[in-house]
Amino acid sequence: MDPEQIVTVARRILEEEGLDALSMRRVAKEVGATPMALYHHVRDKDELLMLTLSGMARTVPRPELPEDPRERLLAVAVHMYRTLRRMPWVVQVLGLGDLADKGALWVMEEVIDSAMACGLDADDAARAYRTIWHCVYGELVFRAAAERRAQDPDRTRNFPDALLTEADAEELPHLTALSGRWMEVMESYDLEAQLRKVIDGLLGGPAAQ
């Protein structure tokens, strides 16, 4: 059994059908083997997922990064988001936790190095990376969910407006005031601008002009 064939089949299933469609039994069937035979080559599904991730980072060229560490930090975060937007199956796998492509560790290194160059110690720089990753990952998950909902023309898209009534004005004054404009405001959301604000907060305020 060719290990490369195993990875190719698993990656195709993930790309075309998503994480839920992948199983050891499915991969074994598609490579013309029994599940037991596959287990001789791949310990379990986690190892199979690690193999599918391996090398993915090398398929994406590293961007030119600014010299200024604050701007470099933002550029790396935006690169991370834009890259993963094109690889929704990778986002699903990363969401399982503790699974990653070693080739992508340069992103973590750049974020920590940039944060330390801006005055954070190593521990706080590592925590800053986690905060930035949570922002990026959260937006990726939200966007993917929004795209799935948009494929259903009968599904309501006016959350939270559909839940609000005039009686809520006293308890929820700000949401009520935004009623009717919520989707407009959300559609103007600029992740890069929001990441800049998050980074300013992590680094102790905006850079001096």
N, C-alpha and C. Protein backbone atom coordinates (compact mmCIF):
# COMPACT_ATOMS: atom_id res chain seq x y z
N MET A 1 0.85 -1.18 0.00
CA MET A 1 0.00 0.00 0.00
C MET A 1 0.89 1.24 0.00
N ASP A 2 0.65 2.15 -0.94
CA ASP A 2 1.48 3.35 -1.09
C ASP A 2 1.02 4.42 -0.10
N PRO A 3 1.90 4.82 0.84
CA PRO A 3 1.51 5.86 1.81
C PRO A 3 1.07 7.15 1.13
N GLU A 4 1.70 7.49 0.01
CA GLU A 4 1.32 8.72 -0.70
C GLU A 4 -0.11 8.61 -1.24
N GLN A 5 -0.48 7.41 -1.68
CA GLN A 5 -1.84 7.21 -2.18
C GLN A 5 -2.85 7.38 -1.04
N ILE A 6 -2.50 6.88 0.14
CA ILE A 6 -3.38 7.02 1.30
C ILE A 6 -3.64 8.49 1.60
N VAL A 7 -2.58 9.29 1.61
CA VAL A 7 -2.70 10.73 1.91
C VAL A 7 -3.50 11.42 0.81
N THR A 8 -3.24 11.08 -0.44
CA THR A 8 -3.95 11.70 -1.56
C THR A 8 -5.45 11.46 -1.47
N VAL A 9 -5.83 10.23 -1.17
CA VAL A 9 -7.24 9.89 -1.05
C VAL A 9 -7.87 10.61 0.13
N ALA A 10 -7.20 10.61 1.28
CA ALA A 10 -7.74 11.29 2.47
C ALA A 10 -7.90 12.78 2.22
N ARG A 11 -6.92 13.38 1.57
CA ARG A 11 -6.98 14.82 1.31
C ARG A 11 -8.12 15.15 0.35
N ARG A 12 -8.31 14.30 -0.65
CA ARG A 12 -9.41 14.53 -1.60
C ARG A 12 -10.77 14.47 -0.91
N ILE A 13 -10.93 13.50 -0.02
CA ILE A 13 -12.19 13.39 0.72
C ILE A 13 -12.42 14.63 1.57
N LEU A 14 -11.38 15.09 2.24
CA LEU A 14 -11.50 16.28 3.08
C LEU A 14 -11.83 17.51 2.25
N GLU A 15 -11.17 17.66 1.12
CA GLU A 15 -11.39 18.83 0.27
C GLU A 15 -12.78 18.85 -0.33
N GLU A 16 -13.28 17.69 -0.73
CA GLU A 16 -14.55 17.62 -1.44
C GLU A 16 -15.75 17.47 -0.51
N GLU A 17 -15.57 16.79 0.63
CA GLU A 17 -16.73 16.45 1.46
C GLU A 17 -16.61 16.90 2.91
N GLY A 18 -15.41 17.28 3.34
CA GLY A 18 -15.25 17.75 4.71
C GLY A 18 -14.86 16.66 5.69
N LEU A 19 -14.59 17.08 6.91
CA LEU A 19 -14.04 16.21 7.94
C LEU A 19 -14.96 15.04 8.29
N ASP A 20 -16.27 15.29 8.35
CA ASP A 20 -17.20 14.24 8.76
C ASP A 20 -17.20 13.05 7.81
N ALA A 21 -16.82 13.28 6.56
CA ALA A 21 -16.84 12.20 5.57
C ALA A 21 -15.62 11.29 5.66
N LEU A 22 -14.61 11.72 6.40
CA LEU A 22 -13.36 10.95 6.44
C LEU A 22 -13.39 9.90 7.54
N SER A 23 -13.06 8.68 7.16
CA SER A 23 -12.92 7.61 8.14
C SER A 23 -11.87 6.64 7.62
N MET A 24 -11.31 5.88 8.53
CA MET A 24 -10.32 4.88 8.13
C MET A 24 -10.95 3.86 7.18
N ARG A 25 -12.19 3.48 7.46
CA ARG A 25 -12.89 2.51 6.60
C ARG A 25 -13.06 3.06 5.19
N ARG A 26 -13.43 4.35 5.08
CA ARG A 26 -13.66 4.97 3.77
C ARG A 26 -12.34 5.02 2.98
N VAL A 27 -11.27 5.43 3.63
CA VAL A 27 -9.98 5.52 2.95
C VAL A 27 -9.52 4.14 2.51
N ALA A 28 -9.66 3.16 3.40
CA ALA A 28 -9.26 1.79 3.06
C ALA A 28 -10.00 1.29 1.83
N LYS A 29 -11.30 1.55 1.78
CA LYS A 29 -12.11 1.10 0.64
C LYS A 29 -11.63 1.74 -0.66
N GLU A 30 -11.31 3.05 -0.60
CA GLU A 30 -10.93 3.76 -1.82
C GLU A 30 -9.53 3.42 -2.32
N VAL A 31 -8.67 2.93 -1.42
CA VAL A 31 -7.34 2.52 -1.88
C VAL A 31 -7.30 1.02 -2.17
N GLY A 32 -8.47 0.36 -2.02
CA GLY A 32 -8.54 -1.06 -2.35
C GLY A 32 -7.94 -1.96 -1.31
N ALA A 33 -8.13 -1.61 -0.03
CA ALA A 33 -7.57 -2.42 1.05
C ALA A 33 -8.63 -2.60 2.14
N THR A 34 -8.31 -3.42 3.11
CA THR A 34 -9.20 -3.58 4.26
C THR A 34 -8.80 -2.57 5.33
N PRO A 35 -9.74 -2.18 6.22
CA PRO A 35 -9.37 -1.29 7.33
C PRO A 35 -8.20 -1.84 8.14
N MET A 36 -8.17 -3.15 8.37
CA MET A 36 -7.09 -3.74 9.14
C MET A 36 -5.75 -3.53 8.45
N ALA A 37 -5.72 -3.67 7.13
CA ALA A 37 -4.47 -3.45 6.39
C ALA A 37 -4.03 -2.00 6.50
N LEU A 38 -5.00 -1.09 6.46
CA LEU A 38 -4.66 0.34 6.56
C LEU A 38 -4.03 0.66 7.91
N TYR A 39 -4.51 0.00 8.96
CA TYR A 39 -3.97 0.26 10.30
C TYR A 39 -2.51 -0.19 10.43
N HIS A 40 -2.03 -1.00 9.51
CA HIS A 40 -0.62 -1.37 9.52
C HIS A 40 0.25 -0.20 9.05
N HIS A 41 -0.36 0.74 8.34
CA HIS A 41 0.38 1.89 7.80
C HIS A 41 0.09 3.18 8.56
N VAL A 42 -1.12 3.29 9.09
CA VAL A 42 -1.55 4.51 9.79
C VAL A 42 -2.18 4.09 11.11
N ARG A 43 -1.65 4.63 12.21
CA ARG A 43 -2.06 4.17 13.54
C ARG A 43 -3.55 4.41 13.82
N ASP A 44 -4.05 5.62 13.49
CA ASP A 44 -5.44 5.97 13.76
C ASP A 44 -5.82 7.19 12.93
N LYS A 45 -7.02 7.67 13.12
CA LYS A 45 -7.51 8.79 12.31
C LYS A 45 -6.70 10.06 12.58
N ASP A 46 -6.27 10.26 13.82
CA ASP A 46 -5.46 11.44 14.13
C ASP A 46 -4.16 11.43 13.32
N GLU A 47 -3.52 10.27 13.26
CA GLU A 47 -2.28 10.19 12.48
C GLU A 47 -2.57 10.41 11.00
N LEU A 48 -3.70 9.91 10.52
CA LEU A 48 -4.08 10.13 9.13
C LEU A 48 -4.26 11.63 8.86
N LEU A 49 -4.89 12.33 9.79
CA LEU A 49 -5.09 13.77 9.63
C LEU A 49 -3.76 14.51 9.65
N MET A 50 -2.85 14.10 10.52
CA MET A 50 -1.53 14.72 10.56
C MET A 50 -0.82 14.54 9.23
N LEU A 51 -0.95 13.36 8.65
CA LEU A 51 -0.31 13.10 7.36
C LEU A 51 -0.90 13.97 6.25
N THR A 52 -2.22 14.19 6.31
CA THR A 52 -2.84 15.04 5.28
C THR A 52 -2.42 16.50 5.43
N LEU A 53 -2.17 16.93 6.67
CA LEU A 53 -1.73 18.31 6.89
C LEU A 53 -0.27 18.51 6.49
N SER A 54 0.52 17.47 6.66
CA SER A 54 1.96 17.59 6.44
C SER A 54 2.26 18.06 5.01
N GLY A 55 3.03 19.13 4.93
CA GLY A 55 3.43 19.65 3.64
C GLY A 55 2.51 20.69 3.05
N MET A 56 1.33 20.89 3.65
CA MET A 56 0.39 21.87 3.09
C MET A 56 0.97 23.28 3.15
N ALA A 57 1.68 23.60 4.23
CA ALA A 57 2.24 24.95 4.38
C ALA A 57 3.23 25.26 3.27
N ARG A 58 3.94 24.24 2.80
CA ARG A 58 4.94 24.46 1.75
C ARG A 58 4.31 24.80 0.40
N THR A 59 3.00 24.55 0.26
CA THR A 59 2.32 24.86 -1.00
C THR A 59 1.95 26.33 -1.09
N VAL A 60 2.12 27.07 0.01
CA VAL A 60 1.75 28.49 0.04
C VAL A 60 3.02 29.33 0.19
N PRO A 61 3.33 30.20 -0.76
CA PRO A 61 4.54 31.03 -0.64
C PRO A 61 4.45 31.94 0.58
N ARG A 62 5.57 32.12 1.25
CA ARG A 62 5.60 33.07 2.37
C ARG A 62 5.53 34.50 1.83
N PRO A 63 4.77 35.34 2.50
CA PRO A 63 4.63 36.72 2.00
C PRO A 63 5.84 37.57 2.34
N GLU A 64 6.01 38.65 1.60
CA GLU A 64 6.99 39.67 1.97
C GLU A 64 6.47 40.37 3.22
N LEU A 65 7.28 40.40 4.26
CA LEU A 65 6.82 40.98 5.52
C LEU A 65 7.49 42.32 5.79
N PRO A 66 6.74 43.28 6.37
CA PRO A 66 7.34 44.58 6.70
C PRO A 66 8.40 44.46 7.77
N GLU A 67 9.31 45.43 7.81
CA GLU A 67 10.35 45.45 8.83
C GLU A 67 9.79 45.82 10.19
N ASP A 68 8.86 46.78 10.22
CA ASP A 68 8.28 47.22 11.50
C ASP A 68 7.58 46.04 12.17
N PRO A 69 7.93 45.70 13.42
CA PRO A 69 7.40 44.49 14.04
C PRO A 69 5.89 44.52 14.26
N ARG A 70 5.34 45.70 14.54
CA ARG A 70 3.89 45.79 14.73
C ARG A 70 3.17 45.51 13.40
N GLU A 71 3.68 46.09 12.32
CA GLU A 71 3.09 45.85 11.01
C GLU A 71 3.32 44.41 10.56
N ARG A 72 4.48 43.86 10.94
CA ARG A 72 4.77 42.47 10.60
C ARG A 72 3.80 41.53 11.30
N LEU A 73 3.50 41.83 12.54
CA LEU A 73 2.56 41.03 13.31
C LEU A 73 1.19 41.02 12.62
N LEU A 74 0.74 42.18 12.19
CA LEU A 74 -0.55 42.26 11.50
C LEU A 74 -0.49 41.52 10.16
N ALA A 75 0.59 41.68 9.42
CA ALA A 75 0.71 41.04 8.11
C ALA A 75 0.68 39.52 8.23
N VAL A 76 1.33 38.98 9.24
CA VAL A 76 1.33 37.52 9.44
C VAL A 76 -0.08 37.04 9.77
N ALA A 77 -0.77 37.78 10.64
CA ALA A 77 -2.13 37.39 11.02
C ALA A 77 -3.06 37.40 9.81
N VAL A 78 -2.95 38.43 8.98
CA VAL A 78 -3.79 38.52 7.79
C VAL A 78 -3.44 37.41 6.79
N HIS A 79 -2.16 37.12 6.65
CA HIS A 79 -1.73 36.03 5.77
C HIS A 79 -2.32 34.70 6.25
N MET A 80 -2.28 34.47 7.54
CA MET A 80 -2.82 33.25 8.12
C MET A 80 -4.31 33.12 7.77
N TYR A 81 -5.04 34.21 7.93
CA TYR A 81 -6.48 34.19 7.64
C TYR A 81 -6.74 33.93 6.16
N ARG A 82 -6.07 34.68 5.30
CA ARG A 82 -6.32 34.55 3.86
C ARG A 82 -5.95 33.17 3.33
N THR A 83 -4.88 32.60 3.87
CA THR A 83 -4.46 31.27 3.45
C THR A 83 -5.50 30.22 3.83
N LEU A 84 -5.96 30.28 5.08
CA LEU A 84 -6.89 29.27 5.56
C LEU A 84 -8.29 29.45 4.98
N ARG A 85 -8.62 30.65 4.55
CA ARG A 85 -9.92 30.86 3.88
C ARG A 85 -10.01 30.02 2.61
N ARG A 86 -8.85 29.74 2.01
CA ARG A 86 -8.83 28.95 0.78
C ARG A 86 -8.75 27.45 1.08
N MET A 87 -8.64 27.10 2.36
CA MET A 87 -8.49 25.69 2.73
C MET A 87 -9.44 25.35 3.88
N PRO A 88 -10.75 25.36 3.62
CA PRO A 88 -11.69 25.13 4.73
C PRO A 88 -11.51 23.80 5.43
N TRP A 89 -11.06 22.78 4.71
CA TRP A 89 -10.88 21.48 5.36
C TRP A 89 -9.74 21.54 6.37
N VAL A 90 -8.71 22.36 6.10
CA VAL A 90 -7.62 22.51 7.05
C VAL A 90 -8.14 23.17 8.33
N VAL A 91 -9.02 24.14 8.21
CA VAL A 91 -9.61 24.78 9.39
C VAL A 91 -10.35 23.76 10.23
N GLN A 92 -11.10 22.87 9.57
CA GLN A 92 -11.82 21.83 10.31
C GLN A 92 -10.85 20.93 11.08
N VAL A 93 -9.76 20.55 10.44
CA VAL A 93 -8.79 19.67 11.10
C VAL A 93 -8.11 20.39 12.26
N LEU A 94 -7.71 21.64 12.05
CA LEU A 94 -7.06 22.39 13.11
C LEU A 94 -7.99 22.58 14.31
N GLY A 95 -9.28 22.63 14.04
CA GLY A 95 -10.24 22.80 15.13
C GLY A 95 -10.29 21.63 16.08
N LEU A 96 -9.73 20.49 15.69
CA LEU A 96 -9.69 19.33 16.58
C LEU A 96 -8.67 19.51 17.69
N GLY A 97 -7.72 20.44 17.49
CA GLY A 97 -6.69 20.69 18.50
C GLY A 97 -5.53 19.73 18.40
N ASP A 98 -4.33 20.25 18.69
CA ASP A 98 -3.10 19.43 18.74
C ASP A 98 -2.74 18.77 17.41
N LEU A 99 -3.31 19.25 16.31
CA LEU A 99 -2.94 18.75 14.99
C LEU A 99 -2.45 19.95 14.18
N ALA A 100 -1.29 19.83 13.59
CA ALA A 100 -0.73 20.95 12.84
C ALA A 100 0.31 20.45 11.85
N ASP A 101 0.62 21.33 10.90
CA ASP A 101 1.68 21.07 9.93
C ASP A 101 2.95 21.76 10.43
N LYS A 102 4.01 20.99 10.63
CA LYS A 102 5.25 21.58 11.15
C LYS A 102 5.72 22.73 10.27
N GLY A 103 5.45 22.64 8.97
CA GLY A 103 5.88 23.69 8.06
C GLY A 103 5.21 25.03 8.30
N ALA A 104 4.13 25.03 9.10
CA ALA A 104 3.42 26.28 9.41
C ALA A 104 3.90 26.91 10.71
N LEU A 105 4.86 26.29 11.38
CA LEU A 105 5.30 26.82 12.67
C LEU A 105 6.02 28.17 12.52
N TRP A 106 6.46 28.50 11.29
CA TRP A 106 7.11 29.79 11.10
C TRP A 106 6.14 30.94 11.43
N VAL A 107 4.84 30.69 11.26
CA VAL A 107 3.84 31.72 11.58
C VAL A 107 3.88 32.03 13.07
N MET A 108 3.87 30.99 13.90
CA MET A 108 3.95 31.19 15.35
C MET A 108 5.24 31.90 15.72
N GLU A 109 6.35 31.47 15.10
CA GLU A 109 7.65 32.08 15.40
C GLU A 109 7.65 33.56 15.06
N GLU A 110 7.10 33.93 13.89
CA GLU A 110 7.05 35.33 13.47
C GLU A 110 6.19 36.17 14.43
N VAL A 111 5.05 35.63 14.83
CA VAL A 111 4.17 36.37 15.74
C VAL A 111 4.87 36.60 17.08
N ILE A 112 5.49 35.56 17.62
CA ILE A 112 6.16 35.69 18.91
C ILE A 112 7.35 36.63 18.81
N ASP A 113 8.14 36.47 17.75
CA ASP A 113 9.30 37.35 17.55
C ASP A 113 8.87 38.81 17.41
N SER A 114 7.82 39.05 16.64
CA SER A 114 7.34 40.42 16.43
C SER A 114 6.80 41.02 17.72
N ALA A 115 6.05 40.22 18.47
CA ALA A 115 5.50 40.70 19.74
C ALA A 115 6.61 41.02 20.74
N MET A 116 7.65 40.19 20.77
CA MET A 116 8.77 40.46 21.67
C MET A 116 9.54 41.70 21.22
N ALA A 117 9.65 41.91 19.93
CA ALA A 117 10.32 43.11 19.42
C ALA A 117 9.54 44.37 19.79
N CYS A 118 8.24 44.20 20.07
CA CYS A 118 7.40 45.32 20.48
C CYS A 118 7.36 45.49 22.00
N GLY A 119 8.11 44.66 22.73
CA GLY A 119 8.24 44.86 24.16
C GLY A 119 7.63 43.79 25.04
N LEU A 120 6.95 42.79 24.49
CA LEU A 120 6.39 41.73 25.32
C LEU A 120 7.47 40.72 25.67
N ASP A 121 7.32 40.10 26.85
CA ASP A 121 8.24 39.01 27.16
C ASP A 121 7.76 37.75 26.43
N ALA A 122 8.56 36.69 26.50
CA ALA A 122 8.26 35.49 25.71
C ALA A 122 6.90 34.90 26.07
N ASP A 123 6.57 34.87 27.37
CA ASP A 123 5.30 34.28 27.78
C ASP A 123 4.12 35.08 27.25
N ASP A 124 4.19 36.42 27.41
CA ASP A 124 3.09 37.25 26.92
C ASP A 124 3.02 37.23 25.40
N ALA A 125 4.15 37.09 24.73
CA ALA A 125 4.15 37.00 23.27
C ALA A 125 3.45 35.72 22.81
N ALA A 126 3.68 34.62 23.54
CA ALA A 126 3.01 33.36 23.22
C ALA A 126 1.51 33.48 23.47
N ARG A 127 1.13 34.18 24.55
CA ARG A 127 -0.30 34.40 24.81
C ARG A 127 -0.91 35.29 23.74
N ALA A 128 -0.14 36.26 23.26
CA ALA A 128 -0.62 37.13 22.18
C ALA A 128 -0.90 36.32 20.93
N TYR A 129 -0.01 35.37 20.63
CA TYR A 129 -0.25 34.50 19.48
C TYR A 129 -1.58 33.77 19.63
N ARG A 130 -1.82 33.24 20.83
CA ARG A 130 -3.07 32.50 21.03
C ARG A 130 -4.29 33.41 20.82
N THR A 131 -4.22 34.62 21.32
CA THR A 131 -5.34 35.55 21.15
C THR A 131 -5.58 35.85 19.67
N ILE A 132 -4.51 36.11 18.93
CA ILE A 132 -4.63 36.42 17.50
C ILE A 132 -5.18 35.20 16.76
N TRP A 133 -4.68 34.02 17.09
CA TRP A 133 -5.18 32.80 16.44
C TRP A 133 -6.66 32.61 16.72
N HIS A 134 -7.10 32.88 17.95
CA HIS A 134 -8.52 32.74 18.27
C HIS A 134 -9.37 33.70 17.44
N CYS A 135 -8.89 34.91 17.24
CA CYS A 135 -9.61 35.87 16.39
C CYS A 135 -9.71 35.36 14.95
N VAL A 136 -8.59 34.89 14.42
CA VAL A 136 -8.56 34.40 13.04
C VAL A 136 -9.43 33.16 12.89
N TYR A 137 -9.26 32.20 13.79
CA TYR A 137 -10.02 30.96 13.71
C TYR A 137 -11.52 31.23 13.87
N GLY A 138 -11.88 32.08 14.83
CA GLY A 138 -13.28 32.40 15.04
C GLY A 138 -13.92 33.00 13.80
N GLU A 139 -13.21 33.91 13.13
CA GLU A 139 -13.75 34.51 11.92
C GLU A 139 -13.88 33.47 10.80
N LEU A 140 -12.92 32.57 10.70
CA LEU A 140 -12.99 31.52 9.69
C LEU A 140 -14.20 30.62 9.91
N VAL A 141 -14.44 30.24 11.15
CA VAL A 141 -15.58 29.38 11.47
C VAL A 141 -16.88 30.12 11.19
N PHE A 142 -16.95 31.40 11.60
CA PHE A 142 -18.16 32.19 11.38
C PHE A 142 -18.45 32.33 9.89
N ARG A 143 -17.41 32.64 9.10
CA ARG A 143 -17.60 32.81 7.65
C ARG A 143 -18.08 31.52 7.00
N ALA A 144 -17.50 30.40 7.42
CA ALA A 144 -17.90 29.11 6.85
C ALA A 144 -19.36 28.81 7.17
N ALA A 145 -19.77 29.10 8.40
CA ALA A 145 -21.17 28.88 8.80
C ALA A 145 -22.11 29.79 8.02
N ALA A 146 -21.71 31.04 7.82
CA ALA A 146 -22.53 31.99 7.07
C ALA A 146 -22.70 31.53 5.62
N GLU A 147 -21.64 30.99 5.05
CA GLU A 147 -21.72 30.51 3.67
C GLU A 147 -22.63 29.29 3.55
N ARG A 148 -22.61 28.42 4.57
CA ARG A 148 -23.52 27.27 4.56
C ARG A 148 -24.97 27.73 4.67
N ARG A 149 -25.22 28.71 5.55
CA ARG A 149 -26.59 29.21 5.71
C ARG A 149 -27.08 29.88 4.43
N ALA A 150 -26.18 30.58 3.74
CA ALA A 150 -26.57 31.30 2.53
C ALA A 150 -27.01 30.36 1.42
N GLN A 151 -26.60 29.10 1.50
CA GLN A 151 -27.00 28.12 0.48
C GLN A 151 -28.44 27.65 0.65
N ASP A 152 -29.04 28.00 1.80
CA ASP A 152 -30.43 27.63 2.07
C ASP A 152 -31.30 28.88 1.94
N PRO A 153 -32.00 29.05 0.82
CA PRO A 153 -32.76 30.28 0.60
C PRO A 153 -33.91 30.47 1.58
N ASP A 154 -34.35 29.38 2.23
CA ASP A 154 -35.48 29.47 3.15
C ASP A 154 -35.06 29.80 4.58
N ARG A 155 -33.76 29.82 4.81
CA ARG A 155 -33.27 30.07 6.17
C ARG A 155 -33.23 31.57 6.45
N THR A 156 -33.74 31.97 7.60
CA THR A 156 -33.73 33.39 7.96
C THR A 156 -32.32 33.88 8.20
N ARG A 157 -32.03 35.09 7.74
CA ARG A 157 -30.69 35.66 7.90
C ARG A 157 -30.72 36.95 8.72
N ASN A 158 -31.88 37.24 9.35
CA ASN A 158 -31.97 38.53 10.03
C ASN A 158 -31.78 38.42 11.54
N PHE A 159 -30.84 37.57 11.96
CA PHE A 159 -30.45 37.51 13.36
C PHE A 159 -29.62 38.75 13.70
N PRO A 160 -29.82 39.41 14.88
CA PRO A 160 -30.79 39.06 15.93
C PRO A 160 -32.12 39.78 15.78
N ASP A 161 -32.32 40.51 14.67
CA ASP A 161 -33.54 41.31 14.52
C ASP A 161 -34.81 40.48 14.71
N ALA A 162 -34.79 39.24 14.20
CA ALA A 162 -35.99 38.41 14.28
C ALA A 162 -36.40 38.09 15.71
N LEU A 163 -35.46 38.23 16.64
CA LEU A 163 -35.74 37.91 18.04
C LEU A 163 -36.21 39.12 18.83
N LEU A 164 -36.09 40.32 18.27
CA LEU A 164 -36.36 41.54 19.02
C LEU A 164 -37.77 42.06 18.76
N THR A 165 -38.37 42.63 19.80
CA THR A 165 -39.65 43.30 19.69
C THR A 165 -39.52 44.66 20.36
N GLU A 166 -40.56 45.49 20.22
CA GLU A 166 -40.54 46.81 20.86
C GLU A 166 -40.42 46.69 22.37
N ALA A 167 -40.91 45.58 22.92
CA ALA A 167 -40.86 45.38 24.36
C ALA A 167 -39.44 45.18 24.87
N ASP A 168 -38.50 44.90 23.98
CA ASP A 168 -37.12 44.67 24.39
C ASP A 168 -36.31 45.97 24.51
N ALA A 169 -36.88 47.08 24.12
CA ALA A 169 -36.13 48.34 24.05
C ALA A 169 -35.53 48.74 25.38
N GLU A 170 -36.21 48.47 26.46
CA GLU A 170 -35.69 48.88 27.77
C GLU A 170 -34.54 47.99 28.23
N GLU A 171 -34.71 46.69 28.05
CA GLU A 171 -33.67 45.76 28.52
C GLU A 171 -32.50 45.66 27.54
N LEU A 172 -32.78 45.81 26.24
CA LEU A 172 -31.74 45.67 25.20
C LEU A 172 -31.72 46.91 24.31
N PRO A 173 -31.40 48.07 24.89
CA PRO A 173 -31.52 49.32 24.14
C PRO A 173 -30.58 49.42 22.94
N HIS A 174 -29.36 48.92 23.08
CA HIS A 174 -28.40 49.06 21.98
C HIS A 174 -28.74 48.14 20.81
N LEU A 175 -29.11 46.90 21.13
CA LEU A 175 -29.51 45.99 20.07
C LEU A 175 -30.77 46.47 19.37
N THR A 176 -31.70 47.02 20.15
CA THR A 176 -32.93 47.54 19.56
C THR A 176 -32.63 48.71 18.63
N ALA A 177 -31.70 49.56 19.05
CA ALA A 177 -31.33 50.72 18.21
C ALA A 177 -30.68 50.27 16.91
N LEU A 178 -29.98 49.14 16.95
CA LEU A 178 -29.33 48.62 15.75
C LEU A 178 -30.27 47.77 14.89
N SER A 179 -31.47 47.51 15.40
CA SER A 179 -32.41 46.66 14.70
C SER A 179 -32.67 47.21 13.29
N GLY A 180 -32.62 46.32 12.33
CA GLY A 180 -32.81 46.71 10.95
C GLY A 180 -31.52 47.04 10.25
N ARG A 181 -30.45 47.28 11.02
CA ARG A 181 -29.16 47.62 10.41
C ARG A 181 -28.08 46.61 10.75
N TRP A 182 -28.44 45.59 11.53
CA TRP A 182 -27.42 44.66 12.03
C TRP A 182 -26.64 44.00 10.89
N MET A 183 -27.36 43.48 9.89
CA MET A 183 -26.68 42.81 8.78
C MET A 183 -25.80 43.79 8.01
N GLU A 184 -26.28 45.01 7.84
CA GLU A 184 -25.48 46.03 7.15
C GLU A 184 -24.18 46.29 7.89
N VAL A 185 -24.28 46.41 9.21
CA VAL A 185 -23.08 46.65 10.03
C VAL A 185 -22.14 45.46 9.94
N MET A 186 -22.69 44.25 10.04
CA MET A 186 -21.85 43.05 10.00
C MET A 186 -21.18 42.87 8.64
N GLU A 187 -21.87 43.23 7.58
CA GLU A 187 -21.29 43.08 6.24
C GLU A 187 -20.16 44.06 6.00
N SER A 188 -20.09 45.12 6.80
CA SER A 188 -18.99 46.08 6.67
C SER A 188 -17.81 45.70 7.56
N TYR A 189 -17.90 44.55 8.21
CA TYR A 189 -16.84 44.10 9.12
C TYR A 189 -15.53 43.91 8.35
N ASP A 190 -14.47 44.50 8.86
CA ASP A 190 -13.15 44.44 8.23
C ASP A 190 -12.20 43.73 9.21
N LEU A 191 -11.90 42.47 8.93
CA LEU A 191 -11.08 41.70 9.88
C LEU A 191 -9.72 42.35 10.09
N GLU A 192 -9.09 42.84 9.02
CA GLU A 192 -7.76 43.44 9.16
C GLU A 192 -7.81 44.64 10.10
N ALA A 193 -8.83 45.48 9.96
CA ALA A 193 -8.96 46.64 10.85
C ALA A 193 -9.18 46.21 12.29
N GLN A 194 -9.97 45.16 12.49
CA GLN A 194 -10.23 44.68 13.85
C GLN A 194 -8.99 44.01 14.44
N LEU A 195 -8.25 43.28 13.61
CA LEU A 195 -7.01 42.67 14.10
C LEU A 195 -6.01 43.74 14.53
N ARG A 196 -5.97 44.84 13.80
CA ARG A 196 -5.08 45.94 14.19
C ARG A 196 -5.44 46.45 15.59
N LYS A 197 -6.72 46.56 15.87
CA LYS A 197 -7.16 47.03 17.19
C LYS A 197 -6.80 46.01 18.27
N VAL A 198 -6.97 44.73 17.94
CA VAL A 198 -6.60 43.68 18.90
C VAL A 198 -5.09 43.74 19.18
N ILE A 199 -4.31 43.87 18.13
CA ILE A 199 -2.85 43.93 18.29
C ILE A 199 -2.45 45.17 19.10
N ASP A 200 -3.09 46.30 18.82
CA ASP A 200 -2.80 47.51 19.61
C ASP A 200 -3.07 47.26 21.08
N GLY A 201 -4.17 46.58 21.38
CA GLY A 201 -4.49 46.27 22.76
C GLY A 201 -3.48 45.33 23.40
N LEU A 202 -3.05 44.30 22.67
CA LEU A 202 -2.08 43.36 23.18
C LEU A 202 -0.73 44.03 23.44
N LEU A 203 -0.39 45.01 22.60
CA LEU A 203 0.92 45.66 22.72
C LEU A 203 0.88 46.92 23.57
N GLY A 204 -0.29 47.22 24.14
CA GLY A 204 -0.37 48.38 25.04
C GLY A 204 -0.69 49.68 24.36
N GLY A 205 -1.55 49.65 23.33
CA GLY A 205 -1.96 50.87 22.67
C GLY A 205 -1.39 51.00 21.29
N PRO A 206 -1.94 51.95 20.48
CA PRO A 206 -1.46 52.13 19.11
C PRO A 206 -0.05 52.67 19.07
N ALA A 207 0.62 52.44 17.94
CA ALA A 207 1.98 52.92 17.78
C ALA A 207 1.99 54.45 17.76
N ALA A 208 3.05 55.02 18.27
CA ALA A 208 3.19 56.47 18.27
C ALA A 208 3.31 56.97 16.84
N GLN A 209 2.60 58.04 16.55
CA GLN A 209 2.64 58.61 15.19
C GLN A 209 3.91 59.47 15.02
